[in-house]
């Protein structure tokens, strides 16, 4: 069985295991709907374009670990809409074998499996790896995820549309966190993630010469940083805490989607409903 087939097989097995485990009652859960608005870089013309994003996000914990997923629906002004989704399941080795996995600032070690999907290129990536859950003072959570980054399916081969056919494997490092704090009599939270994805080669249907030989496109290393500063407006207005937030998200993306020198730096206004 070829490597890509093994990846697909393992990914399917892990996903089935995840759904089976997740069918148990969650110990805790948090579901949010986000609305974000800002100017994002359009790589087709190199210009910033007004973009609205609606996000459904869920995190939940069970006996052996936790799950996290989000789905973004993005609509560009006077343009098309796209869907992008990520799912991550973490299985705590400490919870599974009943032993203390802590060392230094690490409080637990987990096995993590992720799936990313992008509708505009009809592609899926599989990200198996390791999570280090960190014990940082004041943080609600802080994780360092180290995974492979494998393209396993895609894409749309319609004429005139840039699509992914295949990619070489790469890797990802991702630090994700939430830091709640009090300031000026209100409740705030600084949260988000910062990721590094190593460069790789990409083949699309336009990358073949007349003899049918592949000529890969080089995708550069990219760095994506997305911190959010949230204010609990619902609590400030006398309602229950933790249900309605307003804030901003800063997005910095070096070599956006692997395109050399296509760098994005923008602020988006954000509203969050938690239920």
Protein backbone atom coordinates (compact mmCIF):
# COMPACT_ATOMS: atom_id res chain seq x y z
CA UNK A 1 0.00 0.00 0.00
CA UNK A 2 1.39 3.41 -0.98
CA UNK A 3 2.18 6.08 1.61
CA UNK A 4 -0.77 8.30 0.67
CA UNK A 5 -3.12 5.33 0.89
CA UNK A 6 -1.76 4.48 4.33
CA UNK A 7 -2.36 8.07 5.43
CA UNK A 8 -5.95 7.94 4.20
CA UNK A 9 -6.51 4.58 5.92
CA UNK A 10 -5.03 5.75 9.25
CA UNK A 11 -6.95 9.03 9.04
CA UNK A 12 -10.25 7.24 8.46
CA UNK A 13 -9.58 4.88 11.37
CA UNK A 14 -8.70 7.75 13.71
CA UNK A 15 -11.76 9.71 12.64
CA UNK A 16 -14.00 6.70 13.31
CA UNK A 17 -12.38 6.28 16.73
CA UNK A 18 -12.89 9.96 17.46
CA UNK A 19 -16.61 9.80 16.66
CA UNK A 20 -16.97 6.68 18.79
CA UNK A 21 -15.26 8.29 21.78
CA UNK A 22 -17.09 11.58 21.26
CA UNK A 23 -20.42 9.81 21.39
CA UNK A 24 -19.92 9.61 25.15
CA UNK A 25 -21.32 12.48 27.22
CA UNK A 26 -18.98 15.45 27.15
CA UNK A 27 -17.57 16.52 30.51
CA UNK A 28 -17.46 20.11 29.34
CA UNK A 29 -18.24 21.96 26.13
CA UNK A 30 -18.22 25.41 24.59
CA UNK A 31 -19.95 26.36 21.34
CA UNK A 32 -19.53 29.77 19.75
CA UNK A 33 -20.69 31.71 16.71
CA UNK A 34 -18.31 34.46 15.51
CA UNK A 35 -18.91 37.29 13.11
CA UNK A 36 -15.75 38.98 11.82
CA UNK A 37 -15.31 41.82 9.36
CA UNK A 38 -12.13 43.27 7.88
CA UNK A 39 -9.94 43.70 4.81
CA UNK A 40 -8.09 40.50 3.87
CA UNK A 41 -5.45 40.00 1.20
CA UNK A 42 -6.79 38.72 -2.13
CA UNK A 43 -3.87 36.82 -3.68
CA UNK A 44 -5.40 36.98 -7.16
CA UNK A 45 -4.92 40.74 -7.45
CA UNK A 46 -2.66 41.44 -4.45
CA UNK A 47 -5.17 43.87 -2.94
CA UNK A 48 -6.99 43.97 0.39
CA UNK A 49 -10.69 43.18 -0.04
CA UNK A 50 -13.55 43.66 2.43
CA UNK A 51 -14.41 40.22 3.79
CA UNK A 52 -17.10 39.00 6.19
CA UNK A 53 -16.64 35.70 8.01
CA UNK A 54 -19.20 33.71 10.02
CA UNK A 55 -17.62 30.98 12.16
CA UNK A 56 -19.16 28.06 14.04
CA UNK A 57 -16.71 26.81 16.66
CA UNK A 58 -16.97 24.01 19.23
CA UNK A 59 -14.66 22.64 21.90
CA UNK A 60 -15.54 19.78 24.23
CA UNK A 61 -13.85 17.39 26.62
CA UNK A 62 -14.50 13.73 27.35
CA UNK A 63 -12.93 11.07 29.57
CA UNK A 64 -9.90 10.52 27.36
CA UNK A 65 -9.24 13.93 25.91
CA UNK A 66 -10.92 16.68 23.94
CA UNK A 67 -12.15 17.76 20.51
CA UNK A 68 -12.09 21.09 18.72
CA UNK A 69 -13.51 22.13 15.37
CA UNK A 70 -14.54 25.24 13.48
CA UNK A 71 -16.18 26.02 10.16
CA UNK A 72 -15.61 29.40 8.46
CA UNK A 73 -18.00 30.77 5.86
CA UNK A 74 -16.21 33.66 4.15
CA UNK A 75 -17.83 36.08 1.74
CA UNK A 76 -15.78 38.60 -0.18
CA UNK A 77 -17.42 41.89 -1.14
CA UNK A 78 -18.79 41.58 -4.66
CA UNK A 79 -17.28 38.10 -4.86
CA UNK A 80 -17.71 34.43 -4.09
CA UNK A 81 -18.11 32.67 -0.76
CA UNK A 82 -15.96 29.79 0.50
CA UNK A 83 -15.95 27.26 3.32
CA UNK A 84 -12.93 26.30 5.38
CA UNK A 85 -12.99 23.83 8.28
CA UNK A 86 -10.61 22.25 10.79
CA UNK A 87 -11.13 19.38 13.24
CA UNK A 88 -8.68 18.29 15.95
CA UNK A 89 -9.03 15.43 18.41
CA UNK A 90 -6.58 15.06 21.27
CA UNK A 91 -6.20 11.84 23.28
CA UNK A 92 -4.51 12.38 26.64
CA UNK A 93 -1.88 9.73 27.38
CA UNK A 94 -2.20 10.55 31.08
CA UNK A 95 -5.97 9.88 31.03
CA UNK A 96 -5.61 6.72 28.93
CA UNK A 97 -2.92 4.99 31.00
CA UNK A 98 -3.80 6.60 34.35
CA UNK A 99 -0.30 7.95 34.99
CA UNK A 100 1.29 11.34 35.50
CA UNK A 101 2.85 12.53 32.24
CA UNK A 102 4.02 15.90 33.55
CA UNK A 103 7.59 17.22 33.31
CA UNK A 104 8.88 20.78 33.60
CA UNK A 105 6.16 23.15 32.35
CA UNK A 106 4.37 20.27 30.56
CA UNK A 107 1.38 18.92 32.49
CA UNK A 108 0.25 16.28 29.98
CA UNK A 109 1.15 14.69 26.66
CA UNK A 110 -1.45 13.76 24.05
CA UNK A 111 -1.76 12.18 20.64
CA UNK A 112 -3.56 14.55 18.28
CA UNK A 113 -5.15 14.03 14.88
CA UNK A 114 -6.37 16.90 12.72
CA UNK A 115 -8.25 17.33 9.45
CA UNK A 116 -8.35 20.56 7.41
CA UNK A 117 -10.72 21.13 4.50
CA UNK A 118 -10.83 24.00 1.98
CA UNK A 119 -13.79 24.20 -0.38
CA UNK A 120 -12.18 26.54 -2.91
CA UNK A 121 -9.62 23.87 -3.84
CA UNK A 122 -11.75 20.91 -2.72
CA UNK A 123 -8.83 19.58 -0.68
CA UNK A 124 -8.26 17.82 2.63
CA UNK A 125 -5.15 17.62 4.81
CA UNK A 126 -4.43 15.12 7.60
CA UNK A 127 -2.35 16.24 10.60
CA UNK A 128 -1.28 13.47 13.02
CA UNK A 129 1.08 14.37 15.83
CA UNK A 130 1.73 15.13 19.48
CA UNK A 131 0.30 17.75 21.85
CA UNK A 132 2.12 19.14 24.87
CA UNK A 133 -0.38 20.67 27.31
CA UNK A 134 1.49 23.44 29.12
CA UNK A 135 1.04 24.61 32.72
CA UNK A 136 1.39 28.39 32.36
CA UNK A 137 0.28 30.68 35.23
CA UNK A 138 -3.04 32.44 34.57
CA UNK A 139 -3.80 30.65 31.31
CA UNK A 140 -7.12 28.84 30.87
CA UNK A 141 -5.17 26.55 28.51
CA UNK A 142 -1.95 26.60 26.53
CA UNK A 143 -0.96 23.87 24.06
CA UNK A 144 1.96 23.25 21.76
CA UNK A 145 0.94 20.98 18.88
CA UNK A 146 3.53 19.32 16.63
CA UNK A 147 2.06 17.49 13.65
CA UNK A 148 2.70 16.28 10.14
CA UNK A 149 0.92 18.18 7.35
CA UNK A 150 -0.23 15.73 4.69
CA UNK A 151 -2.38 16.52 1.66
CA UNK A 152 -4.58 13.46 1.15
CA UNK A 153 -7.31 14.53 -1.28
CA UNK A 154 -8.14 17.26 -3.80
CA UNK A 155 -9.03 19.11 -5.82
CA UNK A 156 -11.51 20.43 -8.30
CA UNK A 157 -10.12 19.98 -11.81
CA UNK A 158 -12.54 22.27 -13.65
CA UNK A 159 -11.04 24.27 -16.51
CA UNK A 160 -9.88 27.73 -15.65
CA UNK A 161 -9.81 27.14 -11.89
CA UNK A 162 -6.55 26.84 -9.95
CA UNK A 163 -6.72 23.57 -8.05
CA UNK A 164 -4.43 21.40 -5.97
CA UNK A 165 -3.75 17.92 -7.34
CA UNK A 166 -1.11 16.83 -4.83
CA UNK A 167 1.46 18.12 -2.35
CA UNK A 168 4.54 16.73 -0.71
CA UNK A 169 4.28 16.19 3.03
CA UNK A 170 5.33 18.87 5.50
CA UNK A 171 4.91 19.64 9.19
CA UNK A 172 3.16 22.15 11.46
CA UNK A 173 3.96 23.73 14.82
CA UNK A 174 1.02 25.45 16.51
CA UNK A 175 0.79 27.27 19.85
CA UNK A 176 -2.82 27.85 20.96
CA UNK A 177 -3.92 29.55 24.16
CA UNK A 178 -6.49 31.49 26.16
CA UNK A 179 -5.57 34.00 28.88
CA UNK A 180 -8.53 35.52 30.79
CA UNK A 181 -7.97 38.63 32.91
CA UNK A 182 -9.74 41.51 34.65
CA UNK A 183 -9.16 45.10 33.64
CA UNK A 184 -11.03 48.38 34.23
CA UNK A 185 -13.77 46.53 36.09
CA UNK A 186 -14.50 44.19 33.17
CA UNK A 187 -13.69 40.66 32.03
CA UNK A 188 -11.31 40.24 29.11
CA UNK A 189 -9.58 37.41 27.31
CA UNK A 190 -6.52 37.30 25.08
CA UNK A 191 -6.65 34.10 23.05
CA UNK A 192 -5.78 32.63 19.70
CA UNK A 193 -3.01 30.68 18.02
CA UNK A 194 0.27 31.02 16.17
CA UNK A 195 1.31 28.44 13.58
CA UNK A 196 4.30 27.62 11.42
CA UNK A 197 3.84 25.33 8.40
CA UNK A 198 6.97 24.27 6.58
CA UNK A 199 7.30 24.72 2.83
CA UNK A 200 6.41 21.97 0.38
CA UNK A 201 5.96 21.28 -3.33
CA UNK A 202 2.53 21.50 -4.94
CA UNK A 203 1.34 20.05 -8.23
CA UNK A 204 -1.74 21.39 -9.98
CA UNK A 205 -3.17 20.57 -13.40
CA UNK A 206 -1.26 23.46 -14.97
CA UNK A 207 2.06 22.14 -13.64
CA UNK A 208 2.58 19.52 -16.34
CA UNK A 209 4.52 20.16 -19.53
CA UNK A 210 3.53 18.87 -22.97
CA UNK A 211 5.31 15.59 -22.26
CA UNK A 212 3.21 15.06 -19.11
CA UNK A 213 6.11 15.69 -16.73
CA UNK A 214 5.25 17.34 -13.42
CA UNK A 215 6.84 20.70 -12.63
CA UNK A 216 6.03 21.40 -8.95
CA UNK A 217 5.29 24.83 -7.57
CA UNK A 218 7.32 25.68 -4.48
CA UNK A 219 5.22 26.71 -1.48
CA UNK A 220 7.18 28.74 1.06
CA UNK A 221 7.22 28.35 4.84
CA UNK A 222 4.37 30.36 6.29
CA UNK A 223 3.69 31.93 9.67
CA UNK A 224 0.11 32.70 10.71
CA UNK A 225 -0.61 34.55 13.97
CA UNK A 226 -4.21 35.26 15.03
CA UNK A 227 -4.57 36.75 18.54
CA UNK A 228 -8.02 37.91 19.69
CA UNK A 229 -8.73 40.47 22.39
CA UNK A 230 -12.26 39.93 23.74
CA UNK A 231 -14.37 41.98 26.16
CA UNK A 232 -17.36 40.39 27.93
CA UNK A 233 -19.98 42.96 26.95
CA UNK A 234 -22.86 40.82 28.18
CA UNK A 235 -21.49 40.80 31.73
CA UNK A 236 -20.81 44.55 31.57
CA UNK A 237 -24.47 45.13 30.66
CA UNK A 238 -25.66 43.13 33.68
CA UNK A 239 -26.30 39.81 31.99
CA UNK A 240 -24.73 36.41 32.66
CA UNK A 241 -20.98 36.28 32.12
CA UNK A 242 -19.43 34.34 29.27
CA UNK A 243 -22.21 34.64 26.70
CA UNK A 244 -21.58 37.72 24.55
CA UNK A 245 -18.23 39.25 23.62
CA UNK A 246 -16.96 42.00 21.36
CA UNK A 247 -13.37 42.56 20.36
CA UNK A 248 -10.75 42.56 17.65
CA UNK A 249 -8.63 39.93 15.96
CA UNK A 250 -5.24 40.81 14.52
CA UNK A 251 -4.10 38.57 11.67
CA UNK A 252 -0.51 38.42 10.48
CA UNK A 253 0.23 35.92 7.71
CA UNK A 254 3.72 35.76 6.23
CA UNK A 255 3.79 34.07 2.81
CA UNK A 256 0.01 33.62 2.83
CA UNK A 257 -0.90 30.10 1.67
CA UNK A 258 2.76 29.57 0.80
CA UNK A 259 2.99 32.38 -1.77
CA UNK A 260 6.38 34.10 -1.49
CA UNK A 261 6.20 37.69 -0.19
CA UNK A 262 2.38 37.67 -0.09
CA UNK A 263 2.15 39.00 3.47
CA UNK A 264 -1.03 39.99 5.29
CA UNK A 265 -1.38 42.27 8.31
CA UNK A 266 -4.91 43.30 9.22
CA UNK A 267 -7.32 43.92 12.09
CA UNK A 268 -10.83 42.47 12.04
CA UNK A 269 -13.73 43.54 14.23
CA UNK A 270 -15.33 40.58 15.96
CA UNK A 271 -18.54 39.65 17.77
CA UNK A 272 -18.85 36.33 19.63
CA UNK A 273 -21.92 34.52 20.97
CA UNK A 274 -21.24 31.62 23.34
CA UNK A 275 -23.93 29.06 24.16
